[in-house]
Amino acid sequence: MSGTLPPCFGNLSNLLVILDLSRNNFHGLMINAFLHGSLLKSINLRKNRFTGQLPRSLTNCTNLTVLSLGDNYFNDIFPSWLGIVANLRVLVLRSNKFYGPIQGLTTICSQFPMLQVLDLSNNGFSGQLHQKYFQIWNISMHGNVSTSNILSKNEFRELPRSLTNCTNLEVISLGDNSFSDIFPSWLGTLPKLQVLVLRSNKFHGPIQGSTTAISQFPKLRIIDLSNNRLSGELHGKYFQTWNAMKSVSNGTTSIYQLQLTLINKGVRTEYEYILNILTIIDLSCNHFEGEIPLSLQVLQGLHSLNLSNNHFSGAVIPSFRYLKNLESLDLSVNRLSGEIPQQLVQISFLSIFNVSFNHLHGHIPQGGQFNTFENDSYKGNPQLCGKPLSKECEGSKALRLPPTTNTSESLLPLERIDWIFIFVGVGSGLVVGFVIGSFLFESYKFLCVRG
């Protein structure tokens, strides 16, 4: 359907409880469209071509709980006046032309008292996030103030510590901004946080505080720190408190019912529903160094792990075989050496495997999912041999998976892992960096975009 909303629509709104005109071709202004909308509880106008400012008549919708106006052409400042709609729980303004600082929230602590979902992504908001900004949402909130283009050039530089007041936060998505800060490890104290997206910012330095906190990120299932300037080593104990990733979830509950963009299996994907069975770690395109922590082996519910474009050294750890649900493992463009462990053949769901542009040598494992990987998974490692490469291994056939025994393998107990790790430096770090000094690595540059 197309056209503008007719003048009589203002009277019609008095008869409606739910209004859904999404995914059409309506356009024009919405002046006086909701003069008598006191019964309206849900308004969904997503994916149309509405323009101009938001009509103040929306404040007549005193029972409104959901207002979804994403993917239009609204051109306005942040509508702080919507705070008088006391029951508003979902406010989606993503992908419009809103602009300027978010004002009117730093002194009126009663604004938006019931808000659960805030999505301001892909607009032109700018300025500082005031410390009091998040103090008003003390009941429940899913924060998503990320943008992909315009906000990447704003003045957002430091996350306010007041975020810790939002103890019911489940989703924080602040990617593609210009935050310039150390890693906010203090977010790990949020007891319900399940999704943390901070990609494509200017977070820098090692990850501090992870070795002293009793429980860091206990509910976290998705973390994307890619394309930042994080550095240093990942502490051996860092992943041991990520309890939600340690087991396979049988639930199918949606923890986020609006649009959220994630990198999964190397592909940027826009999700409208994120199920609590999805677990992702993306630390790519930083400057992390040192060995890959053995503590990753405890995250048996993990589906996707991306450590590519860093400075990791040492071996590909054989204990990856414990990650039975792993579907994607990307270790490309690092400084890893040694052989690819034959034990990885035991990962039966692995559909993406990439160790290209490292310093690996020896036989490529054969059997299982490894029979499906192509040459691109191994390029840039001239000392590798065996299928699918044309280079044959000299002197012996490719290694085969050792026979299984009746003795079941188990993970190393957490209390016995401490002595295994050798700590270099003072902190942990997540970094996506380039391994400079080789023509092959130079040819791989396009994967990481520096801010």
Protein backbone atom coordinates (compact mmCIF):
# COMPACT_ATOMS: atom_id res chain seq x y z
CA MET A 1 0.00 0.00 0.00
CA SER A 2 1.14 3.52 -0.71
CA GLY A 3 0.12 7.14 -0.34
CA THR A 4 -0.26 9.43 2.65
CA LEU A 5 -2.38 8.86 5.73
CA PRO A 6 -5.82 10.48 5.12
CA PRO A 7 -7.04 13.21 7.54
CA CYS A 8 -9.79 10.94 8.87
CA PHE A 9 -7.13 8.60 10.18
CA GLY A 10 -6.87 10.72 13.33
CA ASN A 11 -10.42 9.75 14.29
CA LEU A 12 -9.97 6.13 13.26
CA SER A 13 -7.07 5.76 15.68
CA ASN A 14 -9.52 6.17 18.56
CA LEU A 15 -10.98 2.72 17.71
CA LEU A 16 -7.72 0.79 17.51
CA VAL A 17 -5.69 -1.13 20.03
CA ILE A 18 -3.01 -2.44 17.63
CA LEU A 19 -1.91 -0.61 14.48
CA ASP A 20 0.48 -2.35 12.10
CA LEU A 21 1.20 -0.66 8.75
CA SER A 22 4.75 -1.97 8.49
CA ARG A 23 6.46 -3.04 5.26
CA ASN A 24 4.45 -0.84 2.93
CA ASN A 25 5.11 2.28 0.90
CA PHE A 26 3.33 4.97 2.92
CA HIS A 27 5.01 8.37 2.82
CA GLY A 28 4.65 11.96 3.90
CA LEU A 29 4.03 13.56 7.30
CA MET A 30 2.11 12.15 10.24
CA ILE A 31 0.70 15.42 11.61
CA ASN A 32 -2.32 14.87 13.91
CA ALA A 33 -2.41 11.18 12.99
CA PHE A 34 -2.96 10.14 16.61
CA LEU A 35 -5.18 12.83 18.05
CA HIS A 36 -7.48 10.36 19.80
CA GLY A 37 -5.35 7.22 20.15
CA SER A 38 -5.99 6.62 23.83
CA LEU A 39 -6.70 2.89 23.26
CA LEU A 40 -3.59 2.22 21.19
CA LYS A 41 -1.08 -0.12 22.79
CA SER A 42 1.12 -0.95 19.81
CA ILE A 43 2.13 1.12 16.76
CA ASN A 44 4.31 -0.47 14.09
CA LEU A 45 5.16 1.70 11.07
CA ARG A 46 8.52 0.08 10.20
CA LYS A 47 9.83 0.00 6.64
CA ASN A 48 7.83 2.80 5.05
CA ARG A 49 8.78 6.26 3.77
CA PHE A 50 7.40 8.59 6.43
CA THR A 51 9.26 11.89 6.71
CA GLY A 52 9.47 14.98 8.88
CA GLN A 53 9.14 15.23 12.63
CA LEU A 54 7.31 12.84 14.93
CA PRO A 55 3.78 14.10 15.72
CA ARG A 56 3.36 15.30 19.30
CA SER A 57 -0.08 13.74 19.18
CA LEU A 58 1.66 10.47 20.05
CA THR A 59 1.51 11.64 23.67
CA ASN A 60 -2.27 11.15 23.47
CA CYS A 61 -1.59 7.41 23.28
CA THR A 62 -1.36 7.11 27.04
CA ASN A 63 -1.56 3.29 27.00
CA LEU A 64 1.14 2.87 24.36
CA THR A 65 3.67 0.15 25.15
CA VAL A 66 5.31 -0.45 21.73
CA LEU A 67 6.36 2.25 19.26
CA SER A 68 8.31 0.90 16.27
CA LEU A 69 9.21 3.52 13.64
CA GLY A 70 12.42 2.07 12.22
CA ASP A 71 13.50 2.19 8.56
CA ASN A 72 11.78 5.42 7.58
CA TYR A 73 12.95 8.98 6.85
CA PHE A 74 11.98 10.79 10.04
CA ASN A 75 14.16 13.87 10.48
CA ASP A 76 14.08 15.09 14.06
CA ILE A 77 15.96 15.38 17.33
CA PHE A 78 15.54 12.72 19.97
CA PRO A 79 11.85 12.80 21.12
CA SER A 80 12.47 13.07 24.86
CA TRP A 81 8.87 14.28 25.20
CA LEU A 82 7.77 10.66 24.67
CA GLY A 83 8.88 10.10 28.25
CA ILE A 84 5.46 11.20 29.48
CA VAL A 85 3.99 8.05 27.90
CA ALA A 86 4.40 6.21 31.16
CA ASN A 87 3.87 2.63 29.91
CA LEU A 88 6.23 2.78 26.92
CA ARG A 89 8.37 -0.37 26.92
CA VAL A 90 9.70 -0.60 23.36
CA LEU A 91 11.01 2.38 21.39
CA VAL A 92 12.56 1.66 17.98
CA LEU A 93 13.85 4.60 15.92
CA ARG A 94 16.60 2.80 14.02
CA SER A 95 17.58 3.69 10.43
CA ASN A 96 16.09 7.16 10.20
CA LYS A 97 17.57 10.66 10.11
CA PHE A 98 17.43 11.58 13.78
CA TYR A 99 20.32 13.81 14.76
CA GLY A 100 22.04 15.78 17.49
CA PRO A 101 22.70 14.99 21.14
CA ILE A 102 20.27 12.96 23.19
CA GLN A 103 18.94 15.63 25.51
CA GLY A 104 16.23 15.90 28.09
CA LEU A 105 17.13 12.71 29.92
CA THR A 106 19.83 13.85 32.31
CA THR A 107 17.64 15.79 34.72
CA ILE A 108 14.23 14.13 34.46
CA CYS A 109 14.84 10.82 36.19
CA SER A 110 11.23 9.78 35.75
CA GLN A 111 11.58 9.68 31.94
CA PHE A 112 10.87 6.30 30.35
CA PRO A 113 10.52 4.43 33.64
CA MET A 114 9.28 1.21 32.00
CA LEU A 115 11.51 1.12 28.91
CA GLN A 116 12.82 -2.36 28.05
CA VAL A 117 14.00 -2.00 24.44
CA LEU A 118 15.73 1.09 23.03
CA ASP A 119 17.01 0.94 19.46
CA LEU A 120 18.50 4.17 18.08
CA SER A 121 20.91 2.57 15.63
CA ASN A 122 21.82 3.93 12.20
CA ASN A 123 20.96 7.58 12.82
CA GLY A 124 22.96 10.76 13.32
CA PHE A 125 22.96 11.06 17.11
CA SER A 126 26.07 12.65 18.58
CA GLY A 127 27.52 14.14 21.74
CA GLN A 128 28.35 12.63 25.10
CA LEU A 129 26.35 9.97 26.89
CA HIS A 130 25.71 11.63 30.22
CA GLN A 131 26.42 9.67 33.39
CA LYS A 132 22.77 9.99 34.43
CA TYR A 133 21.55 8.79 31.05
CA PHE A 134 21.13 5.17 32.11
CA GLN A 135 20.10 5.84 35.69
CA ILE A 136 16.49 6.38 34.62
CA TRP A 137 16.06 2.84 33.28
CA ASN A 138 16.30 1.01 36.56
CA ILE A 139 13.70 -1.68 35.81
CA SER A 140 14.66 -3.34 32.54
CA MET A 141 16.32 -2.29 29.34
CA HIS A 142 17.86 -3.72 26.19
CA GLY A 143 20.32 -1.04 25.06
CA ASN A 144 21.11 -0.66 21.38
CA VAL A 145 22.43 2.72 20.36
CA SER A 146 24.73 1.54 17.60
CA THR A 147 25.02 2.85 14.07
CA SER A 148 27.04 1.74 11.09
CA ASN A 149 27.87 4.98 9.30
CA ILE A 150 26.96 8.38 10.72
CA LEU A 151 27.60 7.56 14.37
CA SER A 152 31.05 6.28 13.53
CA LYS A 153 32.07 9.95 13.28
CA ASN A 154 30.45 11.31 16.42
CA GLU A 155 31.82 12.26 19.83
CA PHE A 156 30.84 9.16 21.80
CA ARG A 157 34.14 8.37 23.50
CA GLU A 158 33.48 6.92 26.93
CA LEU A 159 30.86 4.55 28.24
CA PRO A 160 29.14 5.89 31.37
CA ARG A 161 29.57 3.69 34.43
CA SER A 162 25.89 4.29 35.17
CA LEU A 163 25.21 1.37 32.82
CA THR A 164 25.84 -0.86 35.81
CA ASN A 165 22.61 0.50 37.32
CA CYS A 166 20.69 -1.37 34.63
CA THR A 167 20.89 -4.71 36.36
CA ASN A 168 18.27 -6.26 34.06
CA LEU A 169 20.19 -5.46 30.88
CA GLU A 170 20.29 -8.40 28.49
CA VAL A 171 21.56 -6.75 25.28
CA ILE A 172 24.10 -3.96 24.82
CA SER A 173 24.93 -3.14 21.20
CA LEU A 174 27.22 -0.13 20.71
CA GLY A 175 29.09 -1.16 17.58
CA ASP A 176 30.26 1.14 14.79
CA ASN A 177 30.74 4.21 16.95
CA SER A 178 33.83 6.15 18.04
CA PHE A 179 34.12 5.06 21.66
CA SER A 180 37.75 5.53 22.70
CA ASP A 181 38.29 3.78 25.99
CA ILE A 182 39.79 0.72 27.61
CA PHE A 183 37.71 -2.45 27.61
CA PRO A 184 34.74 -1.97 29.99
CA SER A 185 35.32 -5.07 32.09
CA TRP A 186 32.98 -3.58 34.70
CA LEU A 187 30.10 -4.59 32.42
CA GLY A 188 30.86 -8.13 33.55
CA THR A 189 29.02 -7.43 36.78
CA LEU A 190 25.67 -7.17 34.98
CA PRO A 191 23.98 -10.40 36.08
CA LYS A 192 21.67 -10.85 33.05
CA LEU A 193 23.80 -9.55 30.17
CA GLN A 194 23.63 -12.03 27.27
CA VAL A 195 24.72 -10.00 24.21
CA LEU A 196 27.61 -7.49 24.12
CA VAL A 197 28.49 -5.91 20.77
CA LEU A 198 31.31 -3.32 20.81
CA ARG A 199 32.80 -3.94 17.37
CA SER A 200 34.32 -1.23 15.17
CA ASN A 201 35.21 1.32 17.81
CA LYS A 202 38.50 2.48 19.33
CA PHE A 203 38.65 0.37 22.46
CA HIS A 204 42.30 -0.19 23.26
CA GLY A 205 44.76 -1.77 25.63
CA PRO A 206 44.61 -5.09 27.48
CA ILE A 207 41.56 -6.49 29.18
CA GLN A 208 41.96 -5.62 32.84
CA GLY A 209 40.15 -6.83 35.92
CA SER A 210 39.28 -10.28 34.60
CA THR A 211 41.51 -12.11 37.10
CA THR A 212 40.11 -10.53 40.24
CA ALA A 213 36.36 -10.59 39.63
CA ILE A 214 34.56 -13.53 41.21
CA SER A 215 32.12 -13.78 38.32
CA GLN A 216 32.54 -11.96 35.02
CA PHE A 217 29.80 -12.14 32.37
CA PRO A 218 28.04 -15.20 33.85
CA LYS A 219 25.12 -15.08 31.36
CA LEU A 220 27.03 -13.92 28.28
CA ARG A 221 26.30 -15.86 25.08
CA ILE A 222 27.36 -13.45 22.35
CA ILE A 223 30.36 -11.10 22.47
CA ASP A 224 31.69 -9.15 19.47
CA LEU A 225 34.79 -7.03 20.12
CA SER A 226 36.10 -7.18 16.55
CA ASN A 227 37.80 -4.33 14.75
CA ASN A 228 39.14 -2.44 17.75
CA ARG A 229 42.63 -1.79 19.13
CA LEU A 230 42.64 -4.22 22.04
CA SER A 231 46.00 -5.76 22.85
CA GLY A 232 47.98 -7.93 25.23
CA GLU A 233 47.46 -11.53 26.25
CA LEU A 234 44.21 -13.24 27.18
CA HIS A 235 44.54 -14.36 30.77
CA GLY A 236 44.27 -18.10 31.27
CA LYS A 237 41.34 -17.76 33.66
CA TYR A 238 39.43 -15.23 31.62
CA PHE A 239 36.80 -17.52 30.12
CA GLN A 240 36.21 -19.68 33.18
CA THR A 241 33.37 -17.53 34.53
CA TRP A 242 31.41 -17.44 31.24
CA ASN A 243 29.06 -20.06 32.60
CA ALA A 244 26.29 -19.66 29.99
CA MET A 245 28.68 -20.89 27.27
CA LYS A 246 29.78 -23.96 29.20
CA SER A 247 26.76 -26.09 28.41
CA VAL A 248 24.41 -26.64 25.51
CA SER A 249 21.13 -24.79 25.92
CA ASN A 250 17.95 -26.66 25.06
CA GLY A 251 15.83 -23.52 25.20
CA THR A 252 14.45 -21.59 22.26
CA THR A 253 13.55 -18.36 23.99
CA SER A 254 14.10 -15.17 22.04
CA ILE A 255 16.20 -12.75 24.08
CA TYR A 256 15.95 -9.95 21.53
CA GLN A 257 12.98 -9.47 19.24
CA LEU A 258 14.20 -6.59 17.13
CA GLN A 259 16.92 -6.16 14.53
CA LEU A 260 20.49 -6.84 15.58
CA THR A 261 23.46 -7.26 13.24
CA LEU A 262 26.07 -9.90 14.08
CA ILE A 263 28.99 -11.51 12.27
CA ASN A 264 28.29 -15.23 12.23
CA LYS A 265 30.40 -17.73 10.30
CA GLY A 266 32.19 -14.86 8.59
CA VAL A 267 28.99 -13.31 7.25
CA ARG A 268 27.37 -10.11 8.48
CA THR A 269 23.82 -11.18 9.27
CA GLU A 270 20.86 -9.15 10.45
CA TYR A 271 18.78 -11.01 13.00
CA GLU A 272 15.25 -10.11 13.98
CA TYR A 273 15.21 -12.78 16.68
CA ILE A 274 18.19 -13.93 18.71
CA LEU A 275 17.61 -17.28 20.38
CA ASN A 276 19.34 -18.12 23.63
CA ILE A 277 20.90 -21.21 22.05
CA LEU A 278 23.24 -19.07 19.87
CA THR A 279 26.75 -18.57 21.29
CA ILE A 280 29.41 -16.49 19.49
CA ILE A 281 32.86 -15.10 20.40
CA ASP A 282 34.40 -12.68 17.87
CA LEU A 283 37.72 -11.11 18.88
CA SER A 284 39.00 -10.65 15.33
CA CYS A 285 40.90 -7.66 13.97
CA ASN A 286 42.62 -6.55 17.16
CA HIS A 287 46.21 -6.88 18.47
CA PHE A 288 45.95 -9.84 20.86
CA GLU A 289 49.12 -11.82 21.33
CA GLY A 290 50.49 -14.80 23.21
CA GLU A 291 49.11 -18.31 23.18
CA ILE A 292 45.44 -19.17 22.75
CA PRO A 293 44.08 -19.74 26.28
CA LEU A 294 43.38 -23.36 27.17
CA SER A 295 40.41 -22.14 29.21
CA LEU A 296 38.45 -21.84 25.96
CA GLN A 297 37.98 -25.59 26.16
CA VAL A 298 35.40 -25.22 28.93
CA LEU A 299 32.96 -23.35 26.63
CA GLN A 300 31.32 -26.50 25.30
CA GLY A 301 28.19 -24.66 24.14
CA LEU A 302 30.15 -22.41 21.75
CA HIS A 303 28.96 -22.30 18.12
CA SER A 304 31.35 -19.78 16.54
CA LEU A 305 34.88 -18.66 17.53
CA ASN A 306 36.76 -16.02 15.54
CA LEU A 307 40.30 -15.11 16.65
CA SER A 308 41.53 -14.10 13.20
CA ASN A 309 43.74 -11.12 12.34
CA ASN A 310 45.58 -10.93 15.64
CA HIS A 311 49.10 -11.80 16.80
CA PHE A 312 48.39 -15.11 18.52
CA SER A 313 51.39 -17.45 18.58
CA GLY A 314 52.08 -20.99 19.72
CA ALA A 315 50.12 -24.04 18.68
CA VAL A 316 46.54 -24.70 17.65
CA ILE A 317 45.34 -26.20 20.90
CA PRO A 318 44.17 -29.85 20.61
CA SER A 319 41.59 -29.21 23.34
CA PHE A 320 39.40 -27.45 20.77
CA ARG A 321 38.11 -30.99 20.26
CA TYR A 322 36.06 -30.57 23.44
CA LEU A 323 33.94 -27.90 21.73
CA LYS A 324 31.57 -30.46 20.27
CA ASN A 325 29.01 -27.88 19.12
CA LEU A 326 31.50 -25.65 17.30
CA GLU A 327 30.36 -24.83 13.77
CA SER A 328 32.90 -22.15 12.83
CA LEU A 329 36.56 -21.78 13.85
CA ASP A 330 38.61 -18.96 12.31
CA LEU A 331 42.27 -18.67 13.38
CA SER A 332 43.55 -17.09 10.17
CA VAL A 333 46.19 -14.33 9.91
CA ASN A 334 48.04 -14.98 13.16
CA ARG A 335 51.47 -16.38 14.06
CA LEU A 336 50.44 -19.91 14.96
CA SER A 337 52.97 -22.68 14.41
CA GLY A 338 53.21 -26.45 14.65
CA GLU A 339 50.80 -28.99 13.22
CA ILE A 340 47.02 -28.91 12.99
CA PRO A 341 45.90 -31.33 15.72
CA GLN A 342 44.36 -34.50 14.32
CA GLN A 343 41.99 -34.48 17.31
CA LEU A 344 39.98 -31.64 15.69
CA VAL A 345 38.43 -34.25 13.40
CA GLN A 346 36.23 -35.09 16.39
CA ILE A 347 34.30 -31.80 16.01
CA SER A 348 31.41 -33.25 14.05
CA PHE A 349 29.47 -30.01 13.35
CA LEU A 350 32.42 -27.93 12.12
CA SER A 351 31.40 -26.39 8.78
CA ILE A 352 33.89 -23.49 8.59
CA PHE A 353 37.58 -23.92 9.42
CA ASN A 354 40.24 -21.34 8.52
CA VAL A 355 43.89 -21.39 9.56
CA SER A 356 45.25 -19.56 6.52
CA PHE A 357 48.26 -17.23 6.74
CA ASN A 358 49.99 -18.69 9.77
CA HIS A 359 53.23 -20.70 10.14
CA LEU A 360 51.73 -24.18 10.32
CA HIS A 361 53.40 -27.29 8.93
CA GLY A 362 52.87 -31.02 8.54
CA HIS A 363 49.88 -33.16 7.66
CA ILE A 364 46.40 -31.75 7.27
CA PRO A 365 43.99 -33.92 9.31
CA GLN A 366 41.86 -36.29 7.30
CA GLY A 367 38.37 -37.57 8.03
CA GLY A 368 35.13 -36.15 9.32
CA GLN A 369 34.37 -32.55 8.41
CA PHE A 370 37.97 -32.00 7.31
CA ASN A 371 37.13 -33.85 4.10
CA THR A 372 34.84 -30.93 3.19
CA PHE A 373 37.28 -28.01 3.63
CA GLU A 374 38.90 -26.51 0.54
CA ASN A 375 42.30 -25.00 -0.22
CA ASP A 376 41.38 -21.54 1.08
CA SER A 377 41.27 -22.90 4.62
CA TYR A 378 45.03 -23.54 4.52
CA LYS A 379 46.63 -21.05 2.11
CA GLY A 380 49.58 -19.01 3.32
CA ASN A 381 51.08 -22.03 5.13
CA PRO A 382 53.62 -23.34 2.60
CA GLN A 383 54.76 -26.17 4.91
CA LEU A 384 51.33 -27.83 5.09
CA CYS A 385 50.72 -30.91 2.98
CA GLY A 386 48.02 -33.42 2.16
CA LYS A 387 44.49 -33.13 0.86
CA PRO A 388 42.91 -30.83 -0.24
CA LEU A 389 46.29 -29.27 -1.15
CA SER A 390 48.11 -30.52 -4.22
CA LYS A 391 51.32 -30.86 -2.16
CA GLU A 392 51.71 -34.43 -1.01
CA CYS A 393 53.31 -35.34 2.30
CA GLU A 394 56.68 -36.99 1.92
CA GLY A 395 57.69 -40.13 3.73
CA SER A 396 54.38 -40.98 5.38
CA LYS A 397 50.68 -40.98 4.85
CA ALA A 398 48.41 -38.42 6.47
CA LEU A 399 47.77 -39.09 10.14
CA ARG A 400 44.61 -40.88 11.04
CA LEU A 401 42.44 -40.32 14.07
CA PRO A 402 43.70 -42.54 16.94
CA PRO A 403 41.27 -45.27 17.96
CA THR A 404 38.86 -44.48 20.75
CA THR A 405 39.10 -46.30 24.06
CA ASN A 406 36.66 -47.09 26.80
CA THR A 407 38.23 -44.41 28.94
CA SER A 408 36.18 -41.26 28.54
CA GLU A 409 37.98 -37.96 28.14
CA SER A 410 37.06 -35.09 30.36
CA LEU A 411 38.05 -31.47 30.62
CA LEU A 412 40.75 -30.47 33.01
CA PRO A 413 39.13 -29.36 36.26
CA LEU A 414 39.12 -25.62 36.56
CA GLU A 415 40.96 -25.78 39.88
CA ARG A 416 43.87 -27.58 38.15
CA ILE A 417 44.19 -25.24 35.18
CA ASP A 418 45.96 -22.47 37.11
CA TRP A 419 49.45 -23.97 36.96
CA ILE A 420 49.26 -24.69 33.24
CA PHE A 421 49.21 -21.11 32.06
CA ILE A 422 52.28 -18.95 31.73
CA PHE A 423 51.42 -15.29 32.13
CA VAL A 424 53.35 -12.71 30.17
CA GLY A 425 52.56 -9.06 30.88
CA VAL A 426 50.00 -7.69 33.26
CA GLY A 427 46.68 -7.99 31.56
CA SER A 428 44.54 -9.76 29.09
CA GLY A 429 43.68 -8.32 25.76
CA LEU A 430 41.39 -8.81 22.82
CA VAL A 431 42.95 -7.53 19.68
CA VAL A 432 42.54 -7.68 15.99
CA GLY A 433 45.83 -6.89 14.39
CA PHE A 434 47.74 -7.42 11.21
CA VAL A 435 50.83 -9.59 11.09
CA ILE A 436 53.08 -7.21 9.16
CA GLY A 437 56.26 -8.28 7.41
CA SER A 438 55.05 -10.76 4.82
CA PHE A 439 53.70 -10.18 1.38
CA LEU A 440 51.04 -12.82 1.96
CA PHE A 441 49.73 -10.95 4.98
CA GLU A 442 49.72 -7.69 3.06
CA SER A 443 47.46 -9.32 0.48
CA TYR A 444 45.00 -10.21 3.25
CA LYS A 445 44.61 -6.65 4.58
CA PHE A 446 41.13 -5.98 3.32
CA LEU A 447 39.60 -8.14 6.04
CA CYS A 448 40.11 -5.54 8.78
CA VAL A 449 39.08 -1.91 8.50
CA ARG A 450 40.93 0.44 10.81
CA GLY A 451 39.19 3.47 12.37
